[in-house]
């Protein structure tokens, strides 16, 4: 099993899957098929399917701090001040254009 990716929130995981290319076709986005949340503090396993070619892959994420779903609002991406360790600058720019395009449609 691969090392869990360090995520800050469920939204960061969702955005990561939107901008991470498929290893098979180089496109995407990844579409979440299922999410398995283990006990508090344990890694979260997300089963996703490539929206372009249908490849299925499991992603494992470990939250740096267990997200408090009662105080974490729906729009929160990063509850702290440290930058994302899984989404780089180029991916943030891609995400911005994807969201602007989606809002315009």
PDB file of N, CA and C in Angstrom:
ATOM      1  N   UNK A   1       0.838  -1.178   0.000  1.00  0.00           N
ATOM      2  CA  UNK A   1       0.000   0.000   0.000  1.00  0.00           C
ATOM      3  C   UNK A   1       0.886   1.246   0.000  1.00  0.00           C
ATOM      4  N   UNK A   2       0.504   2.236  -0.799  1.00  0.00           N
ATOM      5  CA  UNK A   2       1.251   3.488  -0.863  1.00  0.00           C
ATOM      6  C   UNK A   2       1.092   4.266   0.432  1.00  0.00           C
ATOM      7  N   UNK A   3       2.040   5.145   0.681  1.00  0.00           N
ATOM      8  CA  UNK A   3       1.944   6.041   1.837  1.00  0.00           C
ATOM      9  C   UNK A   3       0.712   6.924   1.663  1.00  0.00           C
ATOM     10  N   UNK A   4      -0.015   7.179   2.737  1.00  0.00           N
ATOM     11  CA  UNK A   4      -1.174   8.085   2.639  1.00  0.00           C
ATOM     12  C   UNK A   4      -0.730   9.496   2.258  1.00  0.00           C
ATOM     13  N   UNK A   5      -1.538  10.156   1.443  1.00  0.00           N
ATOM     14  CA  UNK A   5      -1.278  11.538   1.065  1.00  0.00           C
ATOM     15  C   UNK A   5      -1.746  12.452   2.199  1.00  0.00           C
ATOM     16  N   UNK A   6      -0.951  13.467   2.564  1.00  0.00           N
ATOM     17  CA  UNK A   6      -1.307  14.338   3.692  1.00  0.00           C
ATOM     18  C   UNK A   6      -2.346  15.391   3.294  1.00  0.00           C
ATOM     19  N   UNK A   7      -3.570  15.204   3.716  1.00  0.00           N
ATOM     20  CA  UNK A   7      -4.660  16.120   3.369  1.00  0.00           C
ATOM     21  C   UNK A   7      -5.042  16.979   4.568  1.00  0.00           C
ATOM     22  N   UNK A   8      -5.605  18.144   4.270  1.00  0.00           N
ATOM     23  CA  UNK A   8      -6.037  19.075   5.321  1.00  0.00           C
ATOM     24  C   UNK A   8      -7.535  18.982   5.590  1.00  0.00           C
ATOM     25  N   UNK A   9      -8.326  18.593   4.553  1.00  0.00           N
ATOM     26  CA  UNK A   9      -9.779  18.548   4.695  1.00  0.00           C
ATOM     27  C   UNK A   9     -10.383  17.682   3.600  1.00  0.00           C
ATOM     28  N   UNK A  10     -11.638  17.271   3.765  1.00  0.00           N
ATOM     29  CA  UNK A  10     -12.316  16.534   2.691  1.00  0.00           C
ATOM     30  C   UNK A  10     -12.398  17.342   1.389  1.00  0.00           C
ATOM     31  N   UNK A  11     -12.526  18.666   1.474  1.00  0.00           N
ATOM     32  CA  UNK A  11     -12.556  19.484   0.261  1.00  0.00           C
ATOM     33  C   UNK A  11     -11.216  19.468  -0.456  1.00  0.00           C
ATOM     34  N   UNK A  12     -10.123  19.478   0.283  1.00  0.00           N
ATOM     35  CA  UNK A  12      -8.816  19.409  -0.355  1.00  0.00           C
ATOM     36  C   UNK A  12      -8.676  18.083  -1.094  1.00  0.00           C
ATOM     37  N   UNK A  13      -9.181  17.007  -0.515  1.00  0.00           N
ATOM     38  CA  UNK A  13      -9.159  15.697  -1.179  1.00  0.00           C
ATOM     39  C   UNK A  13      -9.959  15.769  -2.473  1.00  0.00           C
ATOM     40  N   UNK A  14     -11.146  16.340  -2.413  1.00  0.00           N
ATOM     41  CA  UNK A  14     -12.010  16.442  -3.604  1.00  0.00           C
ATOM     42  C   UNK A  14     -11.319  17.257  -4.699  1.00  0.00           C
ATOM     43  N   UNK A  15     -10.716  18.394  -4.335  1.00  0.00           N
ATOM     44  CA  UNK A  15     -10.032  19.223  -5.318  1.00  0.00           C
ATOM     45  C   UNK A  15      -8.795  18.517  -5.874  1.00  0.00           C
ATOM     46  N   UNK A  16      -8.090  17.787  -5.037  1.00  0.00           N
ATOM     47  CA  UNK A  16      -6.934  17.023  -5.495  1.00  0.00           C
ATOM     48  C   UNK A  16      -7.352  16.040  -6.588  1.00  0.00           C
ATOM     49  N   UNK A  17      -8.463  15.357  -6.374  1.00  0.00           N
ATOM     50  CA  UNK A  17      -8.938  14.384  -7.355  1.00  0.00           C
ATOM     51  C   UNK A  17      -9.393  15.061  -8.648  1.00  0.00           C
ATOM     52  N   UNK A  18      -9.840  16.290  -8.568  1.00  0.00           N
ATOM     53  CA  UNK A  18     -10.265  17.022  -9.759  1.00  0.00           C
ATOM     54  C   UNK A  18      -9.090  17.393 -10.659  1.00  0.00           C
ATOM     55  N   UNK A  19      -7.910  17.636 -10.076  1.00  0.00           N
ATOM     56  CA  UNK A  19      -6.782  18.143 -10.863  1.00  0.00           C
ATOM     57  C   UNK A  19      -5.623  17.163 -10.994  1.00  0.00           C
ATOM     58  N   UNK A  20      -5.788  15.944 -10.505  1.00  0.00           N
ATOM     59  CA  UNK A  20      -4.727  14.951 -10.633  1.00  0.00           C
ATOM     60  C   UNK A  20      -4.997  14.086 -11.855  1.00  0.00           C
ATOM     61  N   UNK A  21      -4.058  14.060 -12.814  1.00  0.00           N
ATOM     62  CA  UNK A  21      -4.300  13.277 -14.021  1.00  0.00           C
ATOM     63  C   UNK A  21      -4.238  11.768 -13.767  1.00  0.00           C
ATOM     64  N   UNK A  22      -4.960  11.049 -14.583  1.00  0.00           N
ATOM     65  CA  UNK A  22      -4.951   9.582 -14.548  1.00  0.00           C
ATOM     66  C   UNK A  22      -3.599   9.083 -15.048  1.00  0.00           C
ATOM     67  N   UNK A  23      -3.064   8.065 -14.410  1.00  0.00           N
ATOM     68  CA  UNK A  23      -1.802   7.480 -14.831  1.00  0.00           C
ATOM     69  C   UNK A  23      -1.894   6.721 -16.141  1.00  0.00           C
ATOM     70  N   UNK A  24      -3.095   6.319 -16.537  1.00  0.00           N
ATOM     71  CA  UNK A  24      -3.296   5.552 -17.770  1.00  0.00           C
ATOM     72  C   UNK A  24      -3.482   6.457 -18.982  1.00  0.00           C
ATOM     73  N   UNK A  25      -4.387   7.437 -18.901  1.00  0.00           N
ATOM     74  CA  UNK A  25      -4.714   8.261 -20.072  1.00  0.00           C
ATOM     75  C   UNK A  25      -4.181   9.690 -19.976  1.00  0.00           C
ATOM     76  N   UNK A  26      -3.725  10.094 -18.779  1.00  0.00           N
ATOM     77  CA  UNK A  26      -3.198  11.442 -18.600  1.00  0.00           C
ATOM     78  C   UNK A  26      -4.266  12.511 -18.456  1.00  0.00           C
ATOM     79  N   UNK A  27      -5.522  12.090 -18.391  1.00  0.00           N
ATOM     80  CA  UNK A  27      -6.621  13.050 -18.270  1.00  0.00           C
ATOM     81  C   UNK A  27      -7.340  12.841 -16.952  1.00  0.00           C
ATOM     82  N   UNK A  28      -8.601  13.091 -16.889  1.00  0.00           N
ATOM     83  CA  UNK A  28      -9.390  12.950 -15.677  1.00  0.00           C
ATOM     84  C   UNK A  28     -10.698  13.648 -15.883  1.00  0.00           C
ATOM     85  N   UNK A  29     -11.324  14.123 -14.867  1.00  0.00           N
ATOM     86  CA  UNK A  29     -10.969  14.074 -13.455  1.00  0.00           C
ATOM     87  C   UNK A  29     -11.310  12.719 -12.847  1.00  0.00           C
ATOM     88  N   UNK A  30     -10.849  12.515 -11.640  1.00  0.00           N
ATOM     89  CA  UNK A  30     -11.215  11.323 -10.888  1.00  0.00           C
ATOM     90  C   UNK A  30     -12.597  11.547 -10.292  1.00  0.00           C
ATOM     91  N   UNK A  31     -13.452  10.554 -10.405  1.00  0.00           N
ATOM     92  CA  UNK A  31     -14.803  10.619  -9.871  1.00  0.00           C
ATOM     93  C   UNK A  31     -14.883   9.641  -8.709  1.00  0.00           C
ATOM     94  N   UNK A  32     -15.272  10.140  -7.547  1.00  0.00           N
ATOM     95  CA  UNK A  32     -15.315   9.307  -6.342  1.00  0.00           C
ATOM     96  C   UNK A  32     -16.414   8.260  -6.474  1.00  0.00           C
ATOM     97  N   UNK A  33     -16.019   6.993  -6.316  1.00  0.00           N
ATOM     98  CA  UNK A  33     -16.976   5.885  -6.343  1.00  0.00           C
ATOM     99  C   UNK A  33     -17.389   5.513  -4.926  1.00  0.00           C
ATOM    100  N   UNK A  34     -16.422   5.521  -4.007  1.00  0.00           N
ATOM    101  CA  UNK A  34     -16.719   5.214  -2.605  1.00  0.00           C
ATOM    102  C   UNK A  34     -15.624   5.771  -1.721  1.00  0.00           C
ATOM    103  N   UNK A  35     -15.988   6.001  -0.476  1.00  0.00           N
ATOM    104  CA  UNK A  35     -15.047   6.497   0.525  1.00  0.00           C
ATOM    105  C   UNK A  35     -15.165   5.615   1.750  1.00  0.00           C
ATOM    106  N   UNK A  36     -14.025   5.160   2.242  1.00  0.00           N
ATOM    107  CA  UNK A  36     -14.002   4.321   3.443  1.00  0.00           C
ATOM    108  C   UNK A  36     -13.264   5.066   4.535  1.00  0.00           C
ATOM    109  N   UNK A  37     -14.003   5.516   5.521  1.00  0.00           N
ATOM    110  CA  UNK A  37     -13.407   6.211   6.656  1.00  0.00           C
ATOM    111  C   UNK A  37     -13.225   5.209   7.787  1.00  0.00           C
ATOM    112  N   UNK A  38     -12.013   5.077   8.209  1.00  0.00           N
ATOM    113  CA  UNK A  38     -11.724   4.171   9.325  1.00  0.00           C
ATOM    114  C   UNK A  38     -11.943   4.933  10.629  1.00  0.00           C
ATOM    115  N   UNK A  39     -11.469   4.366  11.699  1.00  0.00           N
ATOM    116  CA  UNK A  39     -11.587   5.000  13.020  1.00  0.00           C
ATOM    117  C   UNK A  39     -10.920   6.372  13.013  1.00  0.00           C
ATOM    118  N   UNK A  40     -11.290   7.191  13.938  1.00  0.00           N
ATOM    119  CA  UNK A  40     -10.762   8.547  14.023  1.00  0.00           C
ATOM    120  C   UNK A  40      -9.236   8.552  13.960  1.00  0.00           C
ATOM    121  N   UNK A  41      -8.716   9.384  13.074  1.00  0.00           N
ATOM    122  CA  UNK A  41      -7.274   9.496  12.928  1.00  0.00           C
ATOM    123  C   UNK A  41      -6.660   8.498  11.965  1.00  0.00           C
ATOM    124  N   UNK A  42      -7.418   7.483  11.546  1.00  0.00           N
ATOM    125  CA  UNK A  42      -6.902   6.495  10.603  1.00  0.00           C
ATOM    126  C   UNK A  42      -7.035   7.048   9.180  1.00  0.00           C
ATOM    127  N   UNK A  43      -6.221   6.551   8.240  1.00  0.00           N
ATOM    128  CA  UNK A  43      -6.306   7.044   6.867  1.00  0.00           C
ATOM    129  C   UNK A  43      -7.679   6.793   6.238  1.00  0.00           C
ATOM    130  N   UNK A  44      -8.046   7.691   5.340  1.00  0.00           N
ATOM    131  CA  UNK A  44      -9.287   7.568   4.582  1.00  0.00           C
ATOM    132  C   UNK A  44      -8.936   6.999   3.210  1.00  0.00           C
ATOM    133  N   UNK A  45      -9.666   5.994   2.758  1.00  0.00           N
ATOM    134  CA  UNK A  45      -9.424   5.391   1.457  1.00  0.00           C
ATOM    135  C   UNK A  45     -10.549   5.813   0.518  1.00  0.00           C
ATOM    136  N   UNK A  46     -10.157   6.400  -0.619  1.00  0.00           N
ATOM    137  CA  UNK A  46     -11.120   6.856  -1.608  1.00  0.00           C
ATOM    138  C   UNK A  46     -10.927   6.020  -2.868  1.00  0.00           C
ATOM    139  N   UNK A  47     -11.969   5.349  -3.283  1.00  0.00           N
ATOM    140  CA  UNK A  47     -11.972   4.592  -4.533  1.00  0.00           C
ATOM    141  C   UNK A  47     -12.521   5.534  -5.594  1.00  0.00           C
ATOM    142  N   UNK A  48     -11.755   5.754  -6.667  1.00  0.00           N
ATOM    143  CA  UNK A  48     -12.176   6.697  -7.698  1.00  0.00           C
ATOM    144  C   UNK A  48     -12.008   6.087  -9.082  1.00  0.00           C
ATOM    145  N   UNK A  49     -12.784   6.637 -10.018  1.00  0.00           N
ATOM    146  CA  UNK A  49     -12.753   6.172 -11.407  1.00  0.00           C
ATOM    147  C   UNK A  49     -12.401   7.370 -12.275  1.00  0.00           C
ATOM    148  N   UNK A  50     -11.522   7.159 -13.257  1.00  0.00           N
ATOM    149  CA  UNK A  50     -11.159   8.230 -14.175  1.00  0.00           C
ATOM    150  C   UNK A  50     -12.379   8.557 -15.031  1.00  0.00           C
ATOM    151  N   UNK A  51     -12.726   9.823 -15.086  1.00  0.00           N
ATOM    152  CA  UNK A  51     -13.872  10.265 -15.866  1.00  0.00           C
ATOM    153  C   UNK A  51     -13.652  10.165 -17.361  1.00  0.00           C
ATOM    154  N   UNK A  52     -12.405   9.960 -17.784  1.00  0.00           N
ATOM    155  CA  UNK A  52     -12.109   9.859 -19.213  1.00  0.00           C
ATOM    156  C   UNK A  52     -12.030   8.416 -19.694  1.00  0.00           C
ATOM    157  N   UNK A  53     -11.201   7.590 -19.025  1.00  0.00           N
ATOM    158  CA  UNK A  53     -10.973   6.226 -19.526  1.00  0.00           C
ATOM    159  C   UNK A  53     -11.594   5.136 -18.654  1.00  0.00           C
ATOM    160  N   UNK A  54     -12.066   5.493 -17.469  1.00  0.00           N
ATOM    161  CA  UNK A  54     -12.723   4.504 -16.608  1.00  0.00           C
ATOM    162  C   UNK A  54     -11.800   3.726 -15.685  1.00  0.00           C
ATOM    163  N   UNK A  55     -10.497   4.008 -15.724  1.00  0.00           N
ATOM    164  CA  UNK A  55      -9.561   3.335 -14.830  1.00  0.00           C
ATOM    165  C   UNK A  55      -9.985   3.553 -13.379  1.00  0.00           C
ATOM    166  N   UNK A  56      -9.900   2.497 -12.572  1.00  0.00           N
ATOM    167  CA  UNK A  56     -10.258   2.595 -11.154  1.00  0.00           C
ATOM    168  C   UNK A  56      -8.980   2.578 -10.326  1.00  0.00           C
ATOM    169  N   UNK A  57      -8.926   3.441  -9.319  1.00  0.00           N
ATOM    170  CA  UNK A  57      -7.742   3.528  -8.462  1.00  0.00           C
ATOM    171  C   UNK A  57      -8.180   3.873  -7.047  1.00  0.00           C
ATOM    172  N   UNK A  58      -7.436   3.375  -6.075  1.00  0.00           N
ATOM    173  CA  UNK A  58      -7.656   3.728  -4.671  1.00  0.00           C
ATOM    174  C   UNK A  58      -6.620   4.761  -4.260  1.00  0.00           C
ATOM    175  N   UNK A  59      -7.087   5.793  -3.586  1.00  0.00           N
ATOM    176  CA  UNK A  59      -6.228   6.825  -3.030  1.00  0.00           C
ATOM    177  C   UNK A  59      -6.379   6.765  -1.517  1.00  0.00           C
ATOM    178  N   UNK A  60      -5.268   6.898  -0.813  1.00  0.00           N
ATOM    179  CA  UNK A  60      -5.311   6.895   0.642  1.00  0.00           C
ATOM    180  C   UNK A  60      -4.834   8.245   1.149  1.00  0.00           C
ATOM    181  N   UNK A  61      -5.646   8.857   2.012  1.00  0.00           N
ATOM    182  CA  UNK A  61      -5.337  10.170   2.558  1.00  0.00           C
ATOM    183  C   UNK A  61      -5.282  10.089   4.076  1.00  0.00           C
ATOM    184  N   UNK A  62      -4.348  10.808   4.651  1.00  0.00           N
ATOM    185  CA  UNK A  62      -4.268  10.925   6.112  1.00  0.00           C
ATOM    186  C   UNK A  62      -4.393  12.406   6.435  1.00  0.00           C
ATOM    187  N   UNK A  63      -5.351  12.741   7.274  1.00  0.00           N
ATOM    188  CA  UNK A  63      -5.532  14.131   7.666  1.00  0.00           C
ATOM    189  C   UNK A  63      -4.498  14.491   8.713  1.00  0.00           C
ATOM    190  N   UNK A  64      -3.848  15.667   8.513  1.00  0.00           N
ATOM    191  CA  UNK A  64      -2.835  16.103   9.466  1.00  0.00           C
ATOM    192  C   UNK A  64      -3.465  16.296  10.836  1.00  0.00           C
ATOM    193  N   UNK A  65      -4.696  16.743  10.845  1.00  0.00           N
ATOM    194  CA  UNK A  65      -5.504  16.805  12.059  1.00  0.00           C
ATOM    195  C   UNK A  65      -6.860  16.264  11.664  1.00  0.00           C
ATOM    196  N   UNK A  66      -7.446  15.453  12.513  1.00  0.00           N
ATOM    197  CA  UNK A  66      -8.762  14.914  12.186  1.00  0.00           C
ATOM    198  C   UNK A  66      -9.733  16.064  11.991  1.00  0.00           C
ATOM    199  N   UNK A  67     -10.373  16.146  10.798  1.00  0.00           N
ATOM    200  CA  UNK A  67     -11.303  17.253  10.578  1.00  0.00           C
ATOM    201  C   UNK A  67     -12.503  17.168  11.517  1.00  0.00           C
ATOM    202  N   UNK A  68     -12.821  18.276  12.144  1.00  0.00           N
ATOM    203  CA  UNK A  68     -13.979  18.347  13.025  1.00  0.00           C
ATOM    204  C   UNK A  68     -15.173  18.726  12.160  1.00  0.00           C
ATOM    205  N   UNK A  69     -15.941  17.724  11.741  1.00  0.00           N
ATOM    206  CA  UNK A  69     -17.029  17.964  10.796  1.00  0.00           C
ATOM    207  C   UNK A  69     -18.104  18.886  11.353  1.00  0.00           C
ATOM    208  N   UNK A  70     -18.183  19.036  12.656  1.00  0.00           N
ATOM    209  CA  UNK A  70     -19.184  19.928  13.228  1.00  0.00           C
ATOM    210  C   UNK A  70     -18.777  21.397  13.114  1.00  0.00           C
ATOM    211  N   UNK A  71     -17.475  21.682  13.107  1.00  0.00           N
ATOM    212  CA  UNK A  71     -17.036  23.079  13.020  1.00  0.00           C
ATOM    213  C   UNK A  71     -16.449  23.410  11.651  1.00  0.00           C
ATOM    214  N   UNK A  72     -16.165  22.423  10.832  1.00  0.00           N
ATOM    215  CA  UNK A  72     -15.591  22.632   9.504  1.00  0.00           C
ATOM    216  C   UNK A  72     -16.725  22.971   8.545  1.00  0.00           C
ATOM    217  N   UNK A  73     -16.691  24.177   7.969  1.00  0.00           N
ATOM    218  CA  UNK A  73     -17.794  24.524   7.069  1.00  0.00           C
ATOM    219  C   UNK A  73     -17.605  23.841   5.714  1.00  0.00           C
ATOM    220  N   UNK A  74     -18.653  23.862   4.918  1.00  0.00           N
ATOM    221  CA  UNK A  74     -18.661  23.145   3.639  1.00  0.00           C
ATOM    222  C   UNK A  74     -17.644  23.677   2.644  1.00  0.00           C
ATOM    223  N   UNK A  75     -17.201  24.916   2.811  1.00  0.00           N
ATOM    224  CA  UNK A  75     -16.298  25.527   1.855  1.00  0.00           C
ATOM    225  C   UNK A  75     -14.836  25.478   2.286  1.00  0.00           C
ATOM    226  N   UNK A  76     -14.561  25.066   3.509  1.00  0.00           N
ATOM    227  CA  UNK A  76     -13.202  25.069   4.032  1.00  0.00           C
ATOM    228  C   UNK A  76     -12.322  24.070   3.283  1.00  0.00           C
ATOM    229  N   UNK A  77     -11.180  24.562   2.813  1.00  0.00           N
ATOM    230  CA  UNK A  77     -10.211  23.701   2.137  1.00  0.00           C
ATOM    231  C   UNK A  77      -9.046  23.405   3.072  1.00  0.00           C
ATOM    232  N   UNK A  78      -8.620  24.442   3.783  1.00  0.00           N
ATOM    233  CA  UNK A  78      -7.478  24.317   4.660  1.00  0.00           C
ATOM    234  C   UNK A  78      -7.765  25.055   5.972  1.00  0.00           C
ATOM    235  N   UNK A  79      -8.058  24.324   7.035  1.00  0.00           N
ATOM    236  CA  UNK A  79      -8.372  24.981   8.299  1.00  0.00           C
ATOM    237  C   UNK A  79      -7.156  25.598   8.993  1.00  0.00           C
ATOM    238  N   UNK A  80      -5.967  25.314   8.512  1.00  0.00           N
ATOM    239  CA  UNK A  80      -4.758  25.866   9.119  1.00  0.00           C
ATOM    240  C   UNK A  80      -4.086  26.870   8.209  1.00  0.00           C
ATOM    241  N   UNK A  81      -2.853  27.207   8.546  1.00  0.00           N
ATOM    242  CA  UNK A  81      -2.110  28.191   7.758  1.00  0.00           C
ATOM    243  C   UNK A  81      -1.037  27.560   6.876  1.00  0.00           C
ATOM    244  N   UNK A  82      -0.685  26.299   7.107  1.00  0.00           N
ATOM    245  CA  UNK A  82       0.337  25.640   6.302  1.00  0.00           C
ATOM    246  C   UNK A  82      -0.217  25.359   4.905  1.00  0.00           C
ATOM    247  N   UNK A  83       0.603  25.520   3.876  1.00  0.00           N
ATOM    248  CA  UNK A  83       0.119  25.269   2.510  1.00  0.00           C
ATOM    249  C   UNK A  83      -0.145  23.784   2.265  1.00  0.00           C
ATOM    250  N   UNK A  84      -0.903  23.530   1.221  1.00  0.00           N
ATOM    251  CA  UNK A  84      -1.208  22.156   0.836  1.00  0.00           C
ATOM    252  C   UNK A  84       0.072  21.395   0.499  1.00  0.00           C
ATOM    253  N   UNK A  85       0.112  20.152   0.879  1.00  0.00           N
ATOM    254  CA  UNK A  85       1.245  19.285   0.532  1.00  0.00           C
ATOM    255  C   UNK A  85       0.900  18.371  -0.640  1.00  0.00           C
ATOM    256  N   UNK A  86      -0.357  18.405  -1.096  1.00  0.00           N
ATOM    257  CA  UNK A  86      -0.754  17.510  -2.186  1.00  0.00           C
ATOM    258  C   UNK A  86      -1.189  18.246  -3.449  1.00  0.00           C
ATOM    259  N   UNK A  87      -1.496  19.525  -3.350  1.00  0.00           N
ATOM    260  CA  UNK A  87      -1.884  20.308  -4.525  1.00  0.00           C
ATOM    261  C   UNK A  87      -0.833  21.392  -4.727  1.00  0.00           C
ATOM    262  N   UNK A  88      -0.167  21.361  -5.894  1.00  0.00           N
ATOM    263  CA  UNK A  88       0.873  22.363  -6.143  1.00  0.00           C
ATOM    264  C   UNK A  88       0.279  23.591  -6.841  1.00  0.00           C
ATOM    265  N   UNK A  89       1.103  24.598  -7.071  1.00  0.00           N
ATOM    266  CA  UNK A  89       0.642  25.862  -7.636  1.00  0.00           C
ATOM    267  C   UNK A  89      -0.030  25.664  -8.988  1.00  0.00           C
ATOM    268  N   UNK A  90       0.559  24.866  -9.853  1.00  0.00           N
ATOM    269  CA  UNK A  90      -0.026  24.618 -11.173  1.00  0.00           C
ATOM    270  C   UNK A  90      -1.400  23.972 -11.062  1.00  0.00           C
ATOM    271  N   UNK A  91      -1.553  23.060 -10.114  1.00  0.00           N
ATOM    272  CA  UNK A  91      -2.851  22.419  -9.917  1.00  0.00           C
ATOM    273  C   UNK A  91      -3.873  23.403  -9.366  1.00  0.00           C
ATOM    274  N   UNK A  92      -3.448  24.324  -8.479  1.00  0.00           N
ATOM    275  CA  UNK A  92      -4.373  25.343  -7.976  1.00  0.00           C
ATOM    276  C   UNK A  92      -4.857  26.221  -9.118  1.00  0.00           C
ATOM    277  N   UNK A  93      -3.962  26.581 -10.042  1.00  0.00           N
ATOM    278  CA  UNK A  93      -4.361  27.389 -11.198  1.00  0.00           C
ATOM    279  C   UNK A  93      -5.328  26.613 -12.090  1.00  0.00           C
ATOM    280  N   UNK A  94      -5.050  25.340 -12.323  1.00  0.00           N
ATOM    281  CA  UNK A  94      -5.962  24.496 -13.119  1.00  0.00           C
ATOM    282  C   UNK A  94      -7.320  24.424 -12.451  1.00  0.00           C
ATOM    283  N   UNK A  95      -7.317  24.262 -11.149  1.00  0.00           N
ATOM    284  CA  UNK A  95      -8.564  24.183 -10.395  1.00  0.00           C
ATOM    285  C   UNK A  95      -9.352  25.495 -10.519  1.00  0.00           C
ATOM    286  N   UNK A  96      -8.659  26.617 -10.442  1.00  0.00           N
ATOM    287  CA  UNK A  96      -9.307  27.913 -10.590  1.00  0.00           C
ATOM    288  C   UNK A  96     -10.026  27.991 -11.937  1.00  0.00           C
ATOM    289  N   UNK A  97      -9.340  27.630 -13.014  1.00  0.00           N
ATOM    290  CA  UNK A  97      -9.962  27.702 -14.337  1.00  0.00           C
ATOM    291  C   UNK A  97     -11.101  26.705 -14.489  1.00  0.00           C
ATOM    292  N   UNK A  98     -10.966  25.523 -13.903  1.00  0.00           N
ATOM    293  CA  UNK A  98     -12.059  24.550 -13.950  1.00  0.00           C
ATOM    294  C   UNK A  98     -13.306  25.082 -13.239  1.00  0.00           C
ATOM    295  N   UNK A  99     -13.118  25.691 -12.082  1.00  0.00           N
ATOM    296  CA  UNK A  99     -14.244  26.208 -11.324  1.00  0.00           C
ATOM    297  C   UNK A  99     -14.891  27.419 -11.991  1.00  0.00           C
ATOM    298  N   UNK A 100     -14.075  28.304 -12.581  1.00  0.00           N
ATOM    299  CA  UNK A 100     -14.605  29.460 -13.301  1.00  0.00           C
ATOM    300  C   UNK A 100     -15.403  28.976 -14.512  1.00  0.00           C
ATOM    301  N   UNK A 101     -14.864  28.015 -15.229  1.00  0.00           N
ATOM    302  CA  UNK A 101     -15.559  27.453 -16.402  1.00  0.00           C
ATOM    303  C   UNK A 101     -16.875  26.806 -15.998  1.00  0.00           C
ATOM    304  N   UNK A 102     -16.861  26.092 -14.893  1.00  0.00           N
ATOM    305  CA  UNK A 102     -18.067  25.437 -14.396  1.00  0.00           C
ATOM    306  C   UNK A 102     -19.116  26.464 -13.971  1.00  0.00           C
ATOM    307  N   UNK A 103     -18.673  27.536 -13.319  1.00  0.00           N
ATOM    308  CA  UNK A 103     -19.609  28.574 -12.882  1.00  0.00           C
ATOM    309  C   UNK A 103     -20.215  29.321 -14.072  1.00  0.00           C
ATOM    310  N   UNK A 104     -19.455  29.478 -15.146  1.00  0.00           N
ATOM    311  CA  UNK A 104     -19.941  30.177 -16.333  1.00  0.00           C
ATOM    312  C   UNK A 104     -20.965  29.336 -17.107  1.00  0.00           C
ATOM    313  N   UNK A 105     -20.890  28.023 -16.964  1.00  0.00           N
ATOM    314  CA  UNK A 105     -21.786  27.141 -17.734  1.00  0.00           C
ATOM    315  C   UNK A 105     -23.195  27.095 -17.197  1.00  0.00           C
TER     316      UNK A 105
END
